[in-house]
Amino acid sequence: MDELNFGLSMPWTGTDFPRLLDTMNQLDLRYLDMRGIGDKQVLELSDTEARQVKEQVDKHGINICGMSPFLFFRLPLTVSEDEETLRGSYREHLGMLKRAIELAGIFDIDLIRCFSFETEFLFSPSGYRDLPFDIWEKTIERLKKAADMAAAAGVTLAIENCHWNNLGTGFLAVKAIEDIGSRNVKLWWDPCNSAMTSGENPYPDEYAQVKDSAVIIDMKDSVIDKRYSRWSHVRMGQGNMVDWASILRALARENYQGIVAYESCYIPEGKTVFDGIRESFSVIRDWLA
């Protein structure tokens, strides 16, 4: 697996962190997407706790490659910047970004993930015609304000495409990045999320368009049924929509320099998340042998 920089996008609840780091060492995974420890999401960590985490990771020879707070995740756009919702307000999320920037300094990283607000349009960037503003333009406006904060602090904001947010596919996320026009905004590409949004295999067409913008690629596999808007996470290679073998081989062939981070969503029946990680990497090794 020397051709690609493999890492782990960790589960953030209930994780045995020392065991997670040991498992990464055993599988030769050198990059960790920091999402949280124990029952705390990453932004809930104190400075002291964050330094302790960094020390543990460093002792295992692992690099923290990015941080994954739930910035703007399913946050409505159809409210004012100060209006409270079930997911807080936009200004509160800007405060979360400020805290993420502080933690990035402790973790010695320059990459912070964000999302693109609650889904408000279905098929067109023009958005719903009966709203007092254009959804696409409002999405760009609010993401650009966050991007300006990140740029002033010297960090990169990486937008993850997600089926629960306006930018559900890699195609849409890259279009948004172009419209934002900031050099410090990149793509956190999740091909499975693209498939959940569009019902299509993101390889080869989406792959070709987004690969040069992607600084991290989240890797998971799922059985997806768009007819009923449902899915279940499975071992790598058992999904029904994303051609992961072709994606990984293409990344290796083209000398992709970003991180491919396995998102540990799959837990085998009667086993643990660590068993799921091992099973999936056994398949990945076979693909790249």
C-alpha atoms as a PDB file:
ATOM      1  CA  MET A   1       0.000   0.000   0.000  1.00  0.00           C
ATOM      2  CA  ASP A   2       3.029   2.271  -0.386  1.00  0.00           C
ATOM      3  CA  GLU A   3       1.473   4.032  -3.382  1.00  0.00           C
ATOM      4  CA  LEU A   4      -1.167   5.911  -1.358  1.00  0.00           C
ATOM      5  CA  ASN A   5      -1.231   7.830   1.923  1.00  0.00           C
ATOM      6  CA  PHE A   6      -3.770   5.838   3.900  1.00  0.00           C
ATOM      7  CA  GLY A   7      -5.251   7.022   7.158  1.00  0.00           C
ATOM      8  CA  LEU A   8      -8.293   6.723   9.347  1.00  0.00           C
ATOM      9  CA  SER A   9     -11.285   8.979   9.847  1.00  0.00           C
ATOM     10  CA  MET A  10     -11.997   7.903  13.378  1.00  0.00           C
ATOM     11  CA  PRO A  11     -15.327   7.225  15.068  1.00  0.00           C
ATOM     12  CA  TRP A  12     -15.742   9.976  17.670  1.00  0.00           C
ATOM     13  CA  THR A  13     -17.957   8.269  20.250  1.00  0.00           C
ATOM     14  CA  GLY A  14     -16.951   5.499  22.603  1.00  0.00           C
ATOM     15  CA  THR A  15     -13.597   4.832  20.994  1.00  0.00           C
ATOM     16  CA  ASP A  16     -10.806   3.052  22.871  1.00  0.00           C
ATOM     17  CA  PHE A  17      -8.229   5.584  21.684  1.00  0.00           C
ATOM     18  CA  PRO A  18      -5.055   3.694  22.690  1.00  0.00           C
ATOM     19  CA  ARG A  19      -6.388   0.589  20.937  1.00  0.00           C
ATOM     20  CA  LEU A  20      -7.232   2.672  17.886  1.00  0.00           C
ATOM     21  CA  LEU A  21      -3.662   3.962  17.679  1.00  0.00           C
ATOM     22  CA  ASP A  22      -2.260   0.442  18.146  1.00  0.00           C
ATOM     23  CA  THR A  23      -4.506  -0.824  15.349  1.00  0.00           C
ATOM     24  CA  MET A  24      -3.303   1.951  13.071  1.00  0.00           C
ATOM     25  CA  ASN A  25       0.318   1.014  13.780  1.00  0.00           C
ATOM     26  CA  GLN A  26      -0.398  -2.649  13.037  1.00  0.00           C
ATOM     27  CA  LEU A  27      -2.006  -1.715   9.713  1.00  0.00           C
ATOM     28  CA  ASP A  28       0.666   0.892   8.902  1.00  0.00           C
ATOM     29  CA  LEU A  29      -1.851   3.751   8.784  1.00  0.00           C
ATOM     30  CA  ARG A  30       0.051   6.993   9.330  1.00  0.00           C
ATOM     31  CA  TYR A  31      -2.659   9.667   9.125  1.00  0.00           C
ATOM     32  CA  LEU A  32      -5.525  10.416  11.496  1.00  0.00           C
ATOM     33  CA  ASP A  33      -8.541  12.628  10.862  1.00  0.00           C
ATOM     34  CA  MET A  34      -9.330  13.953  14.356  1.00  0.00           C
ATOM     35  CA  ARG A  35     -13.046  13.816  15.171  1.00  0.00           C
ATOM     36  CA  GLY A  36     -13.101  13.374  18.936  1.00  0.00           C
ATOM     37  CA  ILE A  37     -12.118  11.261  21.908  1.00  0.00           C
ATOM     38  CA  GLY A  38     -14.370   9.153  24.108  1.00  0.00           C
ATOM     39  CA  ASP A  39     -17.696  10.947  24.477  1.00  0.00           C
ATOM     40  CA  LYS A  40     -16.379  14.315  23.273  1.00  0.00           C
ATOM     41  CA  GLN A  41     -16.405  15.753  19.801  1.00  0.00           C
ATOM     42  CA  VAL A  42     -13.160  17.423  18.839  1.00  0.00           C
ATOM     43  CA  LEU A  43     -14.347  20.984  19.530  1.00  0.00           C
ATOM     44  CA  GLU A  44     -15.298  19.989  23.066  1.00  0.00           C
ATOM     45  CA  LEU A  45     -11.693  19.171  23.958  1.00  0.00           C
ATOM     46  CA  SER A  46      -9.882  21.593  26.249  1.00  0.00           C
ATOM     47  CA  ASP A  47      -6.437  22.840  25.304  1.00  0.00           C
ATOM     48  CA  THR A  48      -4.940  20.444  27.849  1.00  0.00           C
ATOM     49  CA  GLU A  49      -6.875  17.484  26.485  1.00  0.00           C
ATOM     50  CA  ALA A  50      -5.897  18.394  22.928  1.00  0.00           C
ATOM     51  CA  ARG A  51      -2.202  18.511  23.884  1.00  0.00           C
ATOM     52  CA  GLN A  52      -2.513  15.088  25.560  1.00  0.00           C
ATOM     53  CA  VAL A  53      -4.078  13.682  22.394  1.00  0.00           C
ATOM     54  CA  LYS A  54      -1.272  15.149  20.294  1.00  0.00           C
ATOM     55  CA  GLU A  55       1.335  13.576  22.574  1.00  0.00           C
ATOM     56  CA  GLN A  56      -0.303  10.142  22.289  1.00  0.00           C
ATOM     57  CA  VAL A  57      -0.515  10.380  18.513  1.00  0.00           C
ATOM     58  CA  ASP A  58       3.081  11.540  18.210  1.00  0.00           C
ATOM     59  CA  LYS A  59       4.316   8.615  20.352  1.00  0.00           C
ATOM     60  CA  HIS A  60       2.735   6.234  17.847  1.00  0.00           C
ATOM     61  CA  GLY A  61       4.395   7.941  14.886  1.00  0.00           C
ATOM     62  CA  ILE A  62       1.029   9.018  13.483  1.00  0.00           C
ATOM     63  CA  ASN A  63       0.275  12.393  11.897  1.00  0.00           C
ATOM     64  CA  ILE A  64      -2.978  14.242  12.521  1.00  0.00           C
ATOM     65  CA  CYS A  65      -3.883  15.229   8.968  1.00  0.00           C
ATOM     66  CA  GLY A  66      -7.066  17.203   9.582  1.00  0.00           C
ATOM     67  CA  MET A  67      -9.893  17.980  11.950  1.00  0.00           C
ATOM     68  CA  SER A  68     -13.567  17.154  11.421  1.00  0.00           C
ATOM     69  CA  PRO A  69     -15.944  19.348  13.393  1.00  0.00           C
ATOM     70  CA  PHE A  70     -19.536  19.444  12.146  1.00  0.00           C
ATOM     71  CA  LEU A  71     -19.305  23.037  10.915  1.00  0.00           C
ATOM     72  CA  PHE A  72     -22.522  24.120   9.146  1.00  0.00           C
ATOM     73  CA  PHE A  73     -23.800  20.517   9.094  1.00  0.00           C
ATOM     74  CA  ARG A  74     -27.533  20.692   8.254  1.00  0.00           C
ATOM     75  CA  LEU A  75     -27.655  24.286   9.447  1.00  0.00           C
ATOM     76  CA  PRO A  76     -30.610  26.035   7.757  1.00  0.00           C
ATOM     77  CA  LEU A  77     -29.865  28.824   5.326  1.00  0.00           C
ATOM     78  CA  THR A  78     -33.415  30.188   5.434  1.00  0.00           C
ATOM     79  CA  VAL A  79     -32.862  31.982   8.747  1.00  0.00           C
ATOM     80  CA  SER A  80     -30.853  35.053   9.749  1.00  0.00           C
ATOM     81  CA  GLU A  81     -27.225  34.745  10.817  1.00  0.00           C
ATOM     82  CA  ASP A  82     -28.197  35.149  14.488  1.00  0.00           C
ATOM     83  CA  GLU A  83     -31.380  33.074  14.581  1.00  0.00           C
ATOM     84  CA  GLU A  84     -31.224  29.977  16.790  1.00  0.00           C
ATOM     85  CA  THR A  85     -32.152  26.609  15.274  1.00  0.00           C
ATOM     86  CA  LEU A  86     -31.904  23.031  16.482  1.00  0.00           C
ATOM     87  CA  ARG A  87     -28.328  23.122  15.178  1.00  0.00           C
ATOM     88  CA  GLY A  88     -27.396  26.510  16.571  1.00  0.00           C
ATOM     89  CA  SER A  89     -26.984  29.713  14.603  1.00  0.00           C
ATOM     90  CA  TYR A  90     -24.662  30.650  11.781  1.00  0.00           C
ATOM     91  CA  ARG A  91     -22.757  33.019  14.071  1.00  0.00           C
ATOM     92  CA  GLU A  92     -22.339  30.231  16.612  1.00  0.00           C
ATOM     93  CA  HIS A  93     -20.832  28.064  13.888  1.00  0.00           C
ATOM     94  CA  LEU A  94     -18.412  30.844  13.003  1.00  0.00           C
ATOM     95  CA  GLY A  95     -17.444  30.740  16.686  1.00  0.00           C
ATOM     96  CA  MET A  96     -16.940  26.992  16.321  1.00  0.00           C
ATOM     97  CA  LEU A  97     -14.646  27.679  13.396  1.00  0.00           C
ATOM     98  CA  LYS A  98     -12.669  30.091  15.557  1.00  0.00           C
ATOM     99  CA  ARG A  99     -12.242  27.343  18.175  1.00  0.00           C
ATOM    100  CA  ALA A 100     -11.269  24.848  15.460  1.00  0.00           C
ATOM    101  CA  ILE A 101      -8.552  27.229  14.299  1.00  0.00           C
ATOM    102  CA  GLU A 102      -7.210  27.413  17.868  1.00  0.00           C
ATOM    103  CA  LEU A 103      -7.140  23.608  18.126  1.00  0.00           C
ATOM    104  CA  ALA A 104      -5.489  23.347  14.713  1.00  0.00           C
ATOM    105  CA  GLY A 105      -2.550  25.227  16.203  1.00  0.00           C
ATOM    106  CA  ILE A 106      -2.278  22.677  19.017  1.00  0.00           C
ATOM    107  CA  PHE A 107      -2.586  19.722  16.636  1.00  0.00           C
ATOM    108  CA  ASP A 108      -0.132  21.364  14.204  1.00  0.00           C
ATOM    109  CA  ILE A 109      -2.474  21.010  11.227  1.00  0.00           C
ATOM    110  CA  ASP A 110      -3.840  23.391   8.630  1.00  0.00           C
ATOM    111  CA  LEU A 111      -6.936  21.497   7.425  1.00  0.00           C
ATOM    112  CA  ILE A 112     -10.456  21.869   8.867  1.00  0.00           C
ATOM    113  CA  ARG A 113     -13.547  20.162   7.466  1.00  0.00           C
ATOM    114  CA  CYS A 114     -16.890  21.883   6.990  1.00  0.00           C
ATOM    115  CA  PHE A 115     -20.268  21.141   5.410  1.00  0.00           C
ATOM    116  CA  SER A 116     -22.648  23.156   3.224  1.00  0.00           C
ATOM    117  CA  PHE A 117     -25.810  23.732   5.283  1.00  0.00           C
ATOM    118  CA  GLU A 118     -29.177  21.948   5.220  1.00  0.00           C
ATOM    119  CA  THR A 119     -30.360  20.712   1.835  1.00  0.00           C
ATOM    120  CA  GLU A 120     -32.551  23.443   0.351  1.00  0.00           C
ATOM    121  CA  PHE A 121     -32.517  22.648  -3.369  1.00  0.00           C
ATOM    122  CA  LEU A 122     -32.896  19.439  -5.301  1.00  0.00           C
ATOM    123  CA  PHE A 123     -31.716  19.628  -8.882  1.00  0.00           C
ATOM    124  CA  SER A 124     -30.484  23.115  -9.738  1.00  0.00           C
ATOM    125  CA  PRO A 125     -28.042  25.607  -8.233  1.00  0.00           C
ATOM    126  CA  SER A 126     -30.707  28.253  -8.855  1.00  0.00           C
ATOM    127  CA  GLY A 127     -32.589  26.987  -5.801  1.00  0.00           C
ATOM    128  CA  TYR A 128     -36.252  27.396  -5.004  1.00  0.00           C
ATOM    129  CA  ARG A 129     -37.829  30.316  -6.851  1.00  0.00           C
ATOM    130  CA  ASP A 130     -40.212  31.289  -4.018  1.00  0.00           C
ATOM    131  CA  LEU A 131     -37.490  32.065  -1.471  1.00  0.00           C
ATOM    132  CA  PRO A 132     -36.370  35.659  -0.858  1.00  0.00           C
ATOM    133  CA  PHE A 133     -32.851  34.792  -2.013  1.00  0.00           C
ATOM    134  CA  ASP A 134     -31.016  32.362  -4.253  1.00  0.00           C
ATOM    135  CA  ILE A 135     -29.950  29.255  -2.316  1.00  0.00           C
ATOM    136  CA  TRP A 136     -26.773  28.789  -4.338  1.00  0.00           C
ATOM    137  CA  GLU A 137     -25.681  32.382  -3.829  1.00  0.00           C
ATOM    138  CA  LYS A 138     -26.491  32.227  -0.100  1.00  0.00           C
ATOM    139  CA  THR A 139     -24.486  28.996   0.239  1.00  0.00           C
ATOM    140  CA  ILE A 140     -21.490  30.604  -1.463  1.00  0.00           C
ATOM    141  CA  GLU A 141     -21.825  33.835   0.543  1.00  0.00           C
ATOM    142  CA  ARG A 142     -21.789  32.109   3.926  1.00  0.00           C
ATOM    143  CA  LEU A 143     -19.068  29.636   3.018  1.00  0.00           C
ATOM    144  CA  LYS A 144     -16.941  32.501   1.685  1.00  0.00           C
ATOM    145  CA  LYS A 145     -17.195  34.328   5.011  1.00  0.00           C
ATOM    146  CA  ALA A 146     -15.881  31.194   6.731  1.00  0.00           C
ATOM    147  CA  ALA A 147     -13.186  30.812   4.078  1.00  0.00           C
ATOM    148  CA  ASP A 148     -12.017  34.374   4.736  1.00  0.00           C
ATOM    149  CA  MET A 149     -11.709  33.584   8.465  1.00  0.00           C
ATOM    150  CA  ALA A 150      -9.696  30.466   7.673  1.00  0.00           C
ATOM    151  CA  ALA A 151      -7.446  32.293   5.228  1.00  0.00           C
ATOM    152  CA  ALA A 152      -6.699  35.025   7.781  1.00  0.00           C
ATOM    153  CA  ALA A 153      -5.566  32.292  10.185  1.00  0.00           C
ATOM    154  CA  GLY A 154      -3.502  30.450   7.583  1.00  0.00           C
ATOM    155  CA  VAL A 155      -5.634  27.292   7.490  1.00  0.00           C
ATOM    156  CA  THR A 156      -7.507  25.521   4.716  1.00  0.00           C
ATOM    157  CA  LEU A 157     -11.236  24.900   4.797  1.00  0.00           C
ATOM    158  CA  ALA A 158     -12.187  21.587   3.155  1.00  0.00           C
ATOM    159  CA  ILE A 159     -15.824  21.181   2.102  1.00  0.00           C
ATOM    160  CA  GLU A 160     -17.193  17.651   2.432  1.00  0.00           C
ATOM    161  CA  ASN A 161     -19.907  16.745  -0.036  1.00  0.00           C
ATOM    162  CA  CYS A 162     -22.817  15.175   1.829  1.00  0.00           C
ATOM    163  CA  HIS A 163     -26.309  14.029   0.850  1.00  0.00           C
ATOM    164  CA  TRP A 164     -27.805  15.886   3.825  1.00  0.00           C
ATOM    165  CA  ASN A 165     -26.331  19.207   2.700  1.00  0.00           C
ATOM    166  CA  ASN A 166     -26.636  21.491  -0.324  1.00  0.00           C
ATOM    167  CA  LEU A 167     -23.392  20.273  -1.893  1.00  0.00           C
ATOM    168  CA  GLY A 168     -24.200  16.579  -2.024  1.00  0.00           C
ATOM    169  CA  THR A 169     -21.916  15.542  -4.860  1.00  0.00           C
ATOM    170  CA  GLY A 170     -18.307  16.186  -5.644  1.00  0.00           C
ATOM    171  CA  PHE A 171     -19.457  17.929  -8.835  1.00  0.00           C
ATOM    172  CA  LEU A 172     -21.440  20.499  -6.816  1.00  0.00           C
ATOM    173  CA  ALA A 173     -18.719  20.942  -4.207  1.00  0.00           C
ATOM    174  CA  VAL A 174     -16.058  21.689  -6.831  1.00  0.00           C
ATOM    175  CA  LYS A 175     -18.402  24.148  -8.568  1.00  0.00           C
ATOM    176  CA  ALA A 176     -18.907  25.889  -5.198  1.00  0.00           C
ATOM    177  CA  ILE A 177     -15.155  25.990  -4.574  1.00  0.00           C
ATOM    178  CA  GLU A 178     -14.695  27.679  -7.950  1.00  0.00           C
ATOM    179  CA  ASP A 179     -17.402  30.237  -7.131  1.00  0.00           C
ATOM    180  CA  ILE A 180     -15.983  30.948  -3.656  1.00  0.00           C
ATOM    181  CA  GLY A 181     -12.698  31.753  -5.346  1.00  0.00           C
ATOM    182  CA  SER A 182     -10.427  31.322  -2.323  1.00  0.00           C
ATOM    183  CA  ARG A 183      -7.134  29.470  -2.651  1.00  0.00           C
ATOM    184  CA  ASN A 184      -7.539  28.028   0.838  1.00  0.00           C
ATOM    185  CA  VAL A 185     -10.813  26.200   0.069  1.00  0.00           C
ATOM    186  CA  LYS A 186     -10.467  22.578  -1.050  1.00  0.00           C
ATOM    187  CA  LEU A 187     -12.572  19.433  -1.380  1.00  0.00           C
ATOM    188  CA  TRP A 188     -13.058  16.720   1.245  1.00  0.00           C
ATOM    189  CA  TRP A 189     -14.412  14.158  -1.208  1.00  0.00           C
ATOM    190  CA  ASP A 190     -16.725  11.357  -0.112  1.00  0.00           C
ATOM    191  CA  PRO A 191     -17.621   9.191  -3.140  1.00  0.00           C
ATOM    192  CA  CYS A 192     -20.220   7.217  -1.166  1.00  0.00           C
ATOM    193  CA  ASN A 193     -21.983  10.438  -0.231  1.00  0.00           C
ATOM    194  CA  SER A 194     -21.994  11.376  -3.914  1.00  0.00           C
ATOM    195  CA  ALA A 195     -23.629   8.059  -4.752  1.00  0.00           C
ATOM    196  CA  MET A 196     -26.196   8.501  -1.976  1.00  0.00           C
ATOM    197  CA  THR A 197     -27.052  11.915  -3.423  1.00  0.00           C
ATOM    198  CA  SER A 198     -27.117  11.112  -7.124  1.00  0.00           C
ATOM    199  CA  GLY A 199     -27.707   7.379  -7.275  1.00  0.00           C
ATOM    200  CA  GLU A 200     -24.734   7.076  -9.624  1.00  0.00           C
ATOM    201  CA  ASN A 201     -21.257   5.579  -9.423  1.00  0.00           C
ATOM    202  CA  PRO A 202     -18.851   8.537  -9.010  1.00  0.00           C
ATOM    203  CA  TYR A 203     -16.188   6.769 -11.080  1.00  0.00           C
ATOM    204  CA  PRO A 204     -14.975   7.637 -13.652  1.00  0.00           C
ATOM    205  CA  ASP A 205     -16.805  10.909 -14.433  1.00  0.00           C
ATOM    206  CA  GLU A 206     -16.922  12.614 -11.032  1.00  0.00           C
ATOM    207  CA  TYR A 207     -13.493  11.272 -10.149  1.00  0.00           C
ATOM    208  CA  ALA A 208     -11.985  12.940 -13.209  1.00  0.00           C
ATOM    209  CA  GLN A 209     -13.484  16.315 -12.331  1.00  0.00           C
ATOM    210  CA  VAL A 210     -12.765  16.401  -8.589  1.00  0.00           C
ATOM    211  CA  LYS A 211      -9.486  14.553  -8.052  1.00  0.00           C
ATOM    212  CA  ASP A 212      -7.280  17.635  -8.358  1.00  0.00           C
ATOM    213  CA  SER A 213      -9.332  19.536  -5.742  1.00  0.00           C
ATOM    214  CA  ALA A 214      -9.489  16.734  -3.169  1.00  0.00           C
ATOM    215  CA  VAL A 215      -7.075  17.019  -0.238  1.00  0.00           C
ATOM    216  CA  ILE A 216      -8.735  14.178   1.675  1.00  0.00           C
ATOM    217  CA  ILE A 217     -10.881  11.346   0.333  1.00  0.00           C
ATOM    218  CA  ASP A 218     -13.179   9.612   2.812  1.00  0.00           C
ATOM    219  CA  MET A 219     -13.354   5.900   2.066  1.00  0.00           C
ATOM    220  CA  LYS A 220     -16.306   3.765   3.117  1.00  0.00           C
ATOM    221  CA  ASP A 221     -18.582   1.316   1.313  1.00  0.00           C
ATOM    222  CA  SER A 222     -22.356   1.054   1.430  1.00  0.00           C
ATOM    223  CA  VAL A 223     -25.346  -0.747   0.002  1.00  0.00           C
ATOM    224  CA  ILE A 224     -27.505   2.106  -1.284  1.00  0.00           C
ATOM    225  CA  ASP A 225     -31.188   2.017  -2.245  1.00  0.00           C
ATOM    226  CA  LYS A 226     -32.126   5.415  -3.683  1.00  0.00           C
ATOM    227  CA  ARG A 227     -35.755   4.306  -4.164  1.00  0.00           C
ATOM    228  CA  TYR A 228     -36.290   4.400  -0.415  1.00  0.00           C
ATOM    229  CA  SER A 229     -33.471   6.815   0.522  1.00  0.00           C
ATOM    230  CA  ARG A 230     -31.714   4.262   2.694  1.00  0.00           C
ATOM    231  CA  TRP A 231     -28.309   2.684   2.960  1.00  0.00           C
ATOM    232  CA  SER A 232     -26.230   0.406   5.168  1.00  0.00           C
ATOM    233  CA  HIS A 233     -22.477   0.473   5.646  1.00  0.00           C
ATOM    234  CA  VAL A 234     -20.613  -2.700   4.716  1.00  0.00           C
ATOM    235  CA  ARG A 235     -17.065  -4.003   4.411  1.00  0.00           C
ATOM    236  CA  MET A 236     -15.050  -2.480   1.578  1.00  0.00           C
ATOM    237  CA  GLY A 237     -15.913  -4.329  -1.613  1.00  0.00           C
ATOM    238  CA  GLN A 238     -19.421  -5.309  -0.527  1.00  0.00           C
ATOM    239  CA  GLY A 239     -21.144  -2.081  -1.585  1.00  0.00           C
ATOM    240  CA  ASN A 240     -23.354  -1.862  -4.655  1.00  0.00           C
ATOM    241  CA  MET A 241     -22.578   1.532  -6.156  1.00  0.00           C
ATOM    242  CA  VAL A 242     -19.010   2.862  -5.743  1.00  0.00           C
ATOM    243  CA  ASP A 243     -16.237   1.206  -7.763  1.00  0.00           C
ATOM    244  CA  TRP A 244     -13.640   1.585  -5.022  1.00  0.00           C
ATOM    245  CA  ALA A 245     -11.111  -0.768  -6.581  1.00  0.00           C
ATOM    246  CA  SER A 246     -10.941   1.390  -9.723  1.00  0.00           C
ATOM    247  CA  ILE A 247     -10.814   4.628  -7.730  1.00  0.00           C
ATOM    248  CA  LEU A 248      -7.912   3.464  -5.548  1.00  0.00           C
ATOM    249  CA  ARG A 249      -5.981   2.012  -8.460  1.00  0.00           C
ATOM    250  CA  ALA A 250      -6.427   5.245 -10.410  1.00  0.00           C
ATOM    251  CA  LEU A 251      -5.250   7.310  -7.433  1.00  0.00           C
ATOM    252  CA  ALA A 252      -2.166   5.117  -7.065  1.00  0.00           C
ATOM    253  CA  ARG A 253      -1.466   5.198 -10.810  1.00  0.00           C
ATOM    254  CA  GLU A 254      -1.731   9.007 -10.883  1.00  0.00           C
ATOM    255  CA  ASN A 255       0.425   9.443  -7.765  1.00  0.00           C
ATOM    256  CA  TYR A 256      -2.268  11.110  -5.652  1.00  0.00           C
ATOM    257  CA  GLN A 257      -0.546  13.020  -2.838  1.00  0.00           C
ATOM    258  CA  GLY A 258      -3.540  13.650  -0.584  1.00  0.00           C
ATOM    259  CA  ILE A 259      -4.878  11.413   2.173  1.00  0.00           C
ATOM    260  CA  VAL A 260      -7.232   8.474   1.666  1.00  0.00           C
ATOM    261  CA  ALA A 261      -8.916   8.118   5.053  1.00  0.00           C
ATOM    262  CA  TYR A 262     -10.970   5.042   5.849  1.00  0.00           C
ATOM    263  CA  GLU A 263     -14.172   6.153   7.585  1.00  0.00           C
ATOM    264  CA  SER A 264     -14.811   3.493  10.201  1.00  0.00           C
ATOM    265  CA  CYS A 265     -18.594   3.189   9.867  1.00  0.00           C
ATOM    266  CA  TYR A 266     -18.705  -0.586   9.324  1.00  0.00           C
ATOM    267  CA  ILE A 267     -18.949  -2.859  12.366  1.00  0.00           C
ATOM    268  CA  PRO A 268     -19.276  -6.600  11.588  1.00  0.00           C
ATOM    269  CA  GLU A 269     -22.143  -8.313  13.359  1.00  0.00           C
ATOM    270  CA  GLY A 270     -21.048  -9.458  16.803  1.00  0.00           C
ATOM    271  CA  LYS A 271     -17.623  -7.842  16.412  1.00  0.00           C
ATOM    272  CA  THR A 272     -15.994  -4.446  16.919  1.00  0.00           C
ATOM    273  CA  VAL A 273     -15.142  -1.417  14.840  1.00  0.00           C
ATOM    274  CA  PHE A 274     -11.513  -2.579  14.924  1.00  0.00           C
ATOM    275  CA  ASP A 275     -12.525  -5.864  13.261  1.00  0.00           C
ATOM    276  CA  GLY A 276     -14.290  -3.841  10.580  1.00  0.00           C
ATOM    277  CA  ILE A 277     -11.167  -1.774   9.955  1.00  0.00           C
ATOM    278  CA  ARG A 278      -9.022  -4.893   9.621  1.00  0.00           C
ATOM    279  CA  GLU A 279     -11.476  -6.662   7.303  1.00  0.00           C
ATOM    280  CA  SER A 280     -11.714  -3.670   5.003  1.00  0.00           C
ATOM    281  CA  PHE A 281      -7.956  -3.123   4.759  1.00  0.00           C
ATOM    282  CA  SER A 282      -7.466  -6.784   3.931  1.00  0.00           C
ATOM    283  CA  VAL A 283      -9.645  -6.195   0.860  1.00  0.00           C
ATOM    284  CA  ILE A 284      -7.885  -2.933  -0.001  1.00  0.00           C
ATOM    285  CA  ARG A 285      -4.494  -4.658   0.094  1.00  0.00           C
ATOM    286  CA  ASP A 286      -5.764  -7.275  -2.350  1.00  0.00           C
ATOM    287  CA  TRP A 287      -6.972  -4.560  -4.741  1.00  0.00           C
ATOM    288  CA  LEU A 288      -3.596  -2.830  -4.750  1.00  0.00           C
ATOM    289  CA  ALA A 289      -1.396  -5.924  -4.708  1.00  0.00           C
END
